[in-house]
Amino acid sequence: MSNILVVDDSPTAVKLISGALTQAGFQVRTAADGEQALALARETPPDVVVLDIILPKQNGYEVCRRLKQDERTAAAKVVLLSSKTHAADRQWGLRQGADAYLTKPVQPQELMACIEALTVVPSH
């Protein structure tokens, strides 16, 4: 079972995303800002971080960069989730180390498919 950290400053978004993930059998923790997200991730490294870009204290790009630079959290897969839909935003997010970039409003099935694709270990 994957351990997922959902980071968004919108209580509605957190409730919708964490609810869908919990229902699908994932263990979910939540954070409302970048600093809290980093603290939680360092305490218990998640398998996946679903990360909003526009956050108080530290934006999602910075949080993503810090997660990928820290040996404790570098293995976590990061899914940036944002209302920013321009190709430049997506490219910048991926350059910060994100493993995927989804735009809001995200459909639960789309998010699940993305997480499953990132966490499935390929068989050889």
N, C-alpha and C. Protein backbone atom coordinates (compact mmCIF):
# COMPACT_ATOMS: atom_id res chain seq x y z
N MET A 1 0.85 -1.19 0.00
CA MET A 1 0.00 0.00 0.00
C MET A 1 0.89 1.24 0.00
N SER A 2 0.55 2.18 -0.86
CA SER A 2 1.33 3.40 -0.95
C SER A 2 0.91 4.42 0.10
N ASN A 3 1.90 5.14 0.59
CA ASN A 3 1.72 6.21 1.56
C ASN A 3 1.76 7.52 0.76
N ILE A 4 0.67 8.27 0.78
CA ILE A 4 0.56 9.47 -0.05
C ILE A 4 0.39 10.71 0.82
N LEU A 5 1.14 11.76 0.46
CA LEU A 5 1.02 13.05 1.11
C LEU A 5 0.32 14.00 0.15
N VAL A 6 -0.84 14.53 0.55
CA VAL A 6 -1.61 15.47 -0.26
C VAL A 6 -1.37 16.87 0.29
N VAL A 7 -0.88 17.77 -0.56
CA VAL A 7 -0.55 19.13 -0.13
C VAL A 7 -1.35 20.14 -0.94
N ASP A 8 -2.28 20.83 -0.27
CA ASP A 8 -3.10 21.84 -0.93
C ASP A 8 -3.65 22.76 0.14
N ASP A 9 -3.72 24.06 -0.16
CA ASP A 9 -4.24 25.00 0.83
C ASP A 9 -5.75 25.13 0.76
N SER A 10 -6.38 24.43 -0.18
CA SER A 10 -7.84 24.44 -0.28
C SER A 10 -8.40 23.23 0.48
N PRO A 11 -9.14 23.48 1.58
CA PRO A 11 -9.72 22.35 2.33
C PRO A 11 -10.61 21.48 1.46
N THR A 12 -11.31 22.08 0.50
CA THR A 12 -12.18 21.32 -0.39
C THR A 12 -11.36 20.37 -1.26
N ALA A 13 -10.29 20.88 -1.84
CA ALA A 13 -9.44 20.04 -2.68
C ALA A 13 -8.83 18.90 -1.86
N VAL A 14 -8.35 19.22 -0.66
CA VAL A 14 -7.76 18.20 0.21
C VAL A 14 -8.79 17.11 0.52
N LYS A 15 -10.01 17.53 0.84
CA LYS A 15 -11.07 16.57 1.19
C LYS A 15 -11.39 15.66 0.00
N LEU A 16 -11.54 16.25 -1.18
CA LEU A 16 -11.87 15.47 -2.37
C LEU A 16 -10.75 14.50 -2.74
N ILE A 17 -9.52 15.00 -2.77
CA ILE A 17 -8.39 14.16 -3.19
C ILE A 17 -8.09 13.08 -2.15
N SER A 18 -7.99 13.48 -0.88
CA SER A 18 -7.67 12.49 0.14
C SER A 18 -8.79 11.48 0.30
N GLY A 19 -10.03 11.91 0.15
CA GLY A 19 -11.16 10.99 0.23
C GLY A 19 -11.10 9.93 -0.86
N ALA A 20 -10.84 10.35 -2.09
CA ALA A 20 -10.76 9.40 -3.20
C ALA A 20 -9.59 8.44 -3.02
N LEU A 21 -8.45 8.95 -2.55
CA LEU A 21 -7.28 8.10 -2.36
C LEU A 21 -7.48 7.11 -1.21
N THR A 22 -8.09 7.57 -0.13
CA THR A 22 -8.36 6.70 1.02
C THR A 22 -9.32 5.59 0.61
N GLN A 23 -10.34 5.97 -0.15
CA GLN A 23 -11.32 4.98 -0.63
C GLN A 23 -10.66 3.93 -1.52
N ALA A 24 -9.61 4.34 -2.23
CA ALA A 24 -8.90 3.40 -3.11
C ALA A 24 -7.88 2.55 -2.35
N GLY A 25 -7.78 2.77 -1.02
CA GLY A 25 -6.92 1.93 -0.22
C GLY A 25 -5.56 2.50 0.12
N PHE A 26 -5.32 3.76 -0.22
CA PHE A 26 -4.03 4.38 0.09
C PHE A 26 -4.04 4.95 1.51
N GLN A 27 -2.87 5.01 2.13
CA GLN A 27 -2.71 5.70 3.40
C GLN A 27 -2.42 7.16 3.04
N VAL A 28 -3.20 8.09 3.59
CA VAL A 28 -3.09 9.49 3.20
C VAL A 28 -2.83 10.39 4.40
N ARG A 29 -1.87 11.30 4.23
CA ARG A 29 -1.64 12.38 5.18
C ARG A 29 -1.80 13.67 4.39
N THR A 30 -2.11 14.76 5.08
CA THR A 30 -2.33 16.02 4.38
C THR A 30 -1.54 17.15 5.01
N ALA A 31 -1.23 18.15 4.17
CA ALA A 31 -0.56 19.36 4.63
C ALA A 31 -1.20 20.54 3.90
N ALA A 32 -1.25 21.69 4.57
CA ALA A 32 -1.90 22.88 4.00
C ALA A 32 -0.91 23.91 3.46
N ASP A 33 0.39 23.71 3.70
CA ASP A 33 1.37 24.65 3.16
C ASP A 33 2.70 23.92 2.92
N GLY A 34 3.62 24.62 2.25
CA GLY A 34 4.88 24.01 1.87
C GLY A 34 5.75 23.58 3.04
N GLU A 35 5.82 24.41 4.08
CA GLU A 35 6.66 24.07 5.23
C GLU A 35 6.15 22.82 5.94
N GLN A 36 4.83 22.74 6.13
CA GLN A 36 4.23 21.57 6.78
C GLN A 36 4.48 20.32 5.92
N ALA A 37 4.38 20.47 4.61
CA ALA A 37 4.60 19.34 3.71
C ALA A 37 6.01 18.79 3.85
N LEU A 38 6.99 19.68 3.88
CA LEU A 38 8.39 19.23 4.01
C LEU A 38 8.63 18.56 5.35
N ALA A 39 8.06 19.12 6.42
CA ALA A 39 8.22 18.53 7.75
C ALA A 39 7.62 17.12 7.80
N LEU A 40 6.41 16.96 7.28
CA LEU A 40 5.76 15.64 7.28
C LEU A 40 6.52 14.64 6.43
N ALA A 41 7.00 15.10 5.27
CA ALA A 41 7.72 14.20 4.35
C ALA A 41 9.04 13.73 4.97
N ARG A 42 9.71 14.60 5.70
CA ARG A 42 10.98 14.21 6.32
C ARG A 42 10.74 13.27 7.50
N GLU A 43 9.63 13.48 8.20
CA GLU A 43 9.28 12.66 9.36
C GLU A 43 8.99 11.21 8.93
N THR A 44 8.13 11.06 7.93
CA THR A 44 7.79 9.75 7.37
C THR A 44 7.74 9.91 5.86
N PRO A 45 8.83 9.55 5.16
CA PRO A 45 8.87 9.76 3.72
C PRO A 45 7.71 9.07 2.99
N PRO A 46 6.97 9.83 2.19
CA PRO A 46 5.85 9.27 1.43
C PRO A 46 6.34 8.58 0.16
N ASP A 47 5.49 7.73 -0.39
CA ASP A 47 5.79 7.12 -1.68
C ASP A 47 5.46 8.11 -2.79
N VAL A 48 4.36 8.86 -2.57
CA VAL A 48 3.89 9.82 -3.56
C VAL A 48 3.47 11.11 -2.84
N VAL A 49 3.78 12.25 -3.47
CA VAL A 49 3.33 13.55 -2.97
C VAL A 49 2.46 14.17 -4.05
N VAL A 50 1.19 14.44 -3.73
CA VAL A 50 0.30 15.17 -4.64
C VAL A 50 0.37 16.61 -4.17
N LEU A 51 0.95 17.48 -5.00
CA LEU A 51 1.41 18.79 -4.57
C LEU A 51 0.83 19.93 -5.40
N ASP A 52 0.07 20.79 -4.76
CA ASP A 52 -0.43 22.00 -5.40
C ASP A 52 0.76 22.93 -5.61
N ILE A 53 0.69 23.80 -6.61
CA ILE A 53 1.80 24.73 -6.86
C ILE A 53 1.64 26.02 -6.06
N ILE A 54 0.43 26.56 -6.02
CA ILE A 54 0.22 27.82 -5.32
C ILE A 54 -0.12 27.52 -3.87
N LEU A 55 0.88 27.70 -3.00
CA LEU A 55 0.76 27.37 -1.58
C LEU A 55 1.31 28.51 -0.73
N PRO A 56 0.82 28.64 0.51
CA PRO A 56 1.43 29.60 1.42
C PRO A 56 2.81 29.11 1.87
N LYS A 57 3.65 30.03 2.27
CA LYS A 57 4.98 29.81 2.85
C LYS A 57 6.02 29.35 1.85
N GLN A 58 5.78 28.29 1.10
CA GLN A 58 6.69 27.85 0.03
C GLN A 58 5.83 27.29 -1.09
N ASN A 59 6.11 27.72 -2.32
CA ASN A 59 5.28 27.22 -3.42
C ASN A 59 5.66 25.77 -3.76
N GLY A 60 4.78 25.15 -4.53
CA GLY A 60 4.96 23.74 -4.88
C GLY A 60 6.24 23.46 -5.64
N TYR A 61 6.68 24.39 -6.49
CA TYR A 61 7.93 24.19 -7.22
C TYR A 61 9.10 24.06 -6.24
N GLU A 62 9.13 24.96 -5.25
CA GLU A 62 10.21 24.94 -4.26
C GLU A 62 10.15 23.68 -3.40
N VAL A 63 8.94 23.30 -2.99
CA VAL A 63 8.77 22.08 -2.19
C VAL A 63 9.25 20.87 -3.00
N CYS A 64 8.88 20.80 -4.26
CA CYS A 64 9.30 19.69 -5.12
C CYS A 64 10.83 19.63 -5.20
N ARG A 65 11.46 20.77 -5.44
CA ARG A 65 12.92 20.84 -5.53
C ARG A 65 13.57 20.33 -4.23
N ARG A 66 13.04 20.78 -3.11
CA ARG A 66 13.61 20.39 -1.81
C ARG A 66 13.41 18.90 -1.53
N LEU A 67 12.25 18.37 -1.90
CA LEU A 67 12.00 16.94 -1.71
C LEU A 67 13.00 16.12 -2.51
N LYS A 68 13.24 16.52 -3.74
CA LYS A 68 14.13 15.77 -4.63
C LYS A 68 15.60 15.91 -4.23
N GLN A 69 15.95 17.00 -3.54
CA GLN A 69 17.34 17.23 -3.12
C GLN A 69 17.68 16.54 -1.79
N ASP A 70 16.67 16.19 -1.02
CA ASP A 70 16.88 15.60 0.31
C ASP A 70 16.92 14.08 0.16
N GLU A 71 18.01 13.47 0.62
CA GLU A 71 18.14 12.02 0.44
C GLU A 71 17.04 11.23 1.14
N ARG A 72 16.44 11.81 2.18
CA ARG A 72 15.35 11.11 2.89
C ARG A 72 14.08 11.04 2.05
N THR A 73 13.88 12.03 1.18
CA THR A 73 12.61 12.12 0.44
C THR A 73 12.80 12.05 -1.08
N ALA A 74 14.03 11.90 -1.55
CA ALA A 74 14.31 11.95 -2.99
C ALA A 74 13.58 10.87 -3.79
N ALA A 75 13.29 9.73 -3.16
CA ALA A 75 12.64 8.64 -3.88
C ALA A 75 11.13 8.86 -4.07
N ALA A 76 10.57 9.81 -3.34
CA ALA A 76 9.12 10.06 -3.46
C ALA A 76 8.78 10.55 -4.86
N LYS A 77 7.70 10.03 -5.40
CA LYS A 77 7.21 10.49 -6.70
C LYS A 77 6.37 11.74 -6.43
N VAL A 78 6.58 12.78 -7.23
CA VAL A 78 5.86 14.04 -7.03
C VAL A 78 4.92 14.28 -8.20
N VAL A 79 3.64 14.45 -7.88
CA VAL A 79 2.62 14.80 -8.87
C VAL A 79 2.22 16.25 -8.59
N LEU A 80 2.62 17.16 -9.46
CA LEU A 80 2.18 18.56 -9.31
C LEU A 80 0.75 18.66 -9.80
N LEU A 81 -0.05 19.36 -9.04
CA LEU A 81 -1.47 19.52 -9.35
C LEU A 81 -1.76 21.00 -9.32
N SER A 82 -2.15 21.57 -10.46
CA SER A 82 -2.30 23.01 -10.49
C SER A 82 -3.37 23.48 -11.45
N SER A 83 -3.85 24.69 -11.19
CA SER A 83 -4.77 25.33 -12.13
C SER A 83 -3.97 26.02 -13.24
N LYS A 84 -2.65 26.04 -13.12
CA LYS A 84 -1.79 26.62 -14.16
C LYS A 84 -1.74 25.64 -15.33
N THR A 85 -2.26 26.06 -16.48
CA THR A 85 -2.40 25.14 -17.60
C THR A 85 -1.44 25.39 -18.76
N HIS A 86 -0.61 26.41 -18.66
CA HIS A 86 0.31 26.71 -19.76
C HIS A 86 1.42 25.67 -19.85
N ALA A 87 1.86 25.41 -21.07
CA ALA A 87 2.94 24.44 -21.29
C ALA A 87 4.19 24.83 -20.52
N ALA A 88 4.46 26.13 -20.40
CA ALA A 88 5.65 26.59 -19.68
C ALA A 88 5.58 26.21 -18.20
N ASP A 89 4.39 26.27 -17.62
CA ASP A 89 4.22 25.87 -16.21
C ASP A 89 4.53 24.39 -16.04
N ARG A 90 4.00 23.59 -16.96
CA ARG A 90 4.22 22.14 -16.92
C ARG A 90 5.72 21.84 -17.07
N GLN A 91 6.36 22.47 -18.05
CA GLN A 91 7.79 22.23 -18.29
C GLN A 91 8.62 22.64 -17.07
N TRP A 92 8.29 23.80 -16.48
CA TRP A 92 9.03 24.26 -15.31
C TRP A 92 8.87 23.27 -14.16
N GLY A 93 7.64 22.78 -13.95
CA GLY A 93 7.40 21.81 -12.89
C GLY A 93 8.21 20.54 -13.08
N LEU A 94 8.26 20.04 -14.29
CA LEU A 94 9.02 18.82 -14.57
C LEU A 94 10.52 19.07 -14.40
N ARG A 95 10.97 20.29 -14.73
CA ARG A 95 12.38 20.64 -14.55
C ARG A 95 12.75 20.73 -13.07
N GLN A 96 11.77 20.96 -12.20
CA GLN A 96 12.03 21.01 -10.75
C GLN A 96 12.13 19.62 -10.15
N GLY A 97 11.83 18.61 -10.96
CA GLY A 97 11.93 17.23 -10.47
C GLY A 97 10.60 16.50 -10.38
N ALA A 98 9.51 17.16 -10.72
CA ALA A 98 8.20 16.49 -10.65
C ALA A 98 8.17 15.29 -11.60
N ASP A 99 7.46 14.26 -11.18
CA ASP A 99 7.33 13.05 -11.99
C ASP A 99 6.10 13.12 -12.90
N ALA A 100 5.15 13.99 -12.55
CA ALA A 100 3.94 14.17 -13.36
C ALA A 100 3.35 15.55 -13.05
N TYR A 101 2.53 16.03 -13.97
CA TYR A 101 1.89 17.34 -13.83
C TYR A 101 0.45 17.20 -14.30
N LEU A 102 -0.50 17.39 -13.39
CA LEU A 102 -1.91 17.31 -13.74
C LEU A 102 -2.56 18.67 -13.48
N THR A 103 -3.57 19.00 -14.28
CA THR A 103 -4.25 20.28 -14.08
C THR A 103 -5.58 20.09 -13.36
N LYS A 104 -5.93 21.11 -12.57
CA LYS A 104 -7.20 21.13 -11.84
C LYS A 104 -8.29 21.65 -12.75
N PRO A 105 -9.51 21.24 -12.58
CA PRO A 105 -9.92 20.21 -11.63
C PRO A 105 -9.55 18.83 -12.15
N VAL A 106 -8.93 18.03 -11.31
CA VAL A 106 -8.51 16.69 -11.73
C VAL A 106 -9.62 15.70 -11.40
N GLN A 107 -9.82 14.78 -12.31
CA GLN A 107 -10.79 13.71 -12.08
C GLN A 107 -10.11 12.63 -11.23
N PRO A 108 -10.82 12.08 -10.23
CA PRO A 108 -10.20 11.05 -9.38
C PRO A 108 -9.58 9.90 -10.19
N GLN A 109 -10.26 9.48 -11.27
CA GLN A 109 -9.73 8.37 -12.08
C GLN A 109 -8.40 8.75 -12.72
N GLU A 110 -8.28 10.01 -13.16
CA GLU A 110 -7.04 10.47 -13.79
C GLU A 110 -5.90 10.48 -12.76
N LEU A 111 -6.19 10.94 -11.55
CA LEU A 111 -5.18 10.98 -10.50
C LEU A 111 -4.76 9.56 -10.12
N MET A 112 -5.73 8.65 -9.97
CA MET A 112 -5.43 7.25 -9.61
C MET A 112 -4.54 6.61 -10.68
N ALA A 113 -4.90 6.83 -11.94
CA ALA A 113 -4.12 6.24 -13.04
C ALA A 113 -2.69 6.76 -13.02
N CYS A 114 -2.54 8.04 -12.74
CA CYS A 114 -1.21 8.66 -12.67
C CYS A 114 -0.41 8.05 -11.52
N ILE A 115 -1.00 7.94 -10.35
CA ILE A 115 -0.31 7.39 -9.17
C ILE A 115 0.05 5.93 -9.41
N GLU A 116 -0.87 5.16 -9.97
CA GLU A 116 -0.59 3.75 -10.25
C GLU A 116 0.56 3.61 -11.23
N ALA A 117 0.59 4.47 -12.25
CA ALA A 117 1.67 4.41 -13.25
C ALA A 117 3.02 4.73 -12.61
N LEU A 118 3.03 5.63 -11.64
CA LEU A 118 4.28 6.02 -10.98
C LEU A 118 4.74 5.01 -9.94
N THR A 119 3.82 4.25 -9.35
CA THR A 119 4.20 3.37 -8.25
C THR A 119 4.29 1.90 -8.61
N VAL A 120 3.87 1.54 -9.80
CA VAL A 120 3.96 0.14 -10.21
C VAL A 120 5.42 -0.18 -10.53
N VAL A 121 5.91 -1.24 -9.92
CA VAL A 121 7.29 -1.66 -10.16
C VAL A 121 7.29 -2.52 -11.43
N PRO A 122 8.06 -2.10 -12.45
CA PRO A 122 8.07 -2.90 -13.68
C PRO A 122 8.66 -4.29 -13.44
N SER A 123 8.07 -5.28 -14.05
CA SER A 123 8.60 -6.65 -13.91
C SER A 123 9.59 -6.90 -15.02
N HIS A 124 10.62 -7.64 -14.69
CA HIS A 124 11.67 -7.94 -15.69
C HIS A 124 11.66 -9.40 -16.02
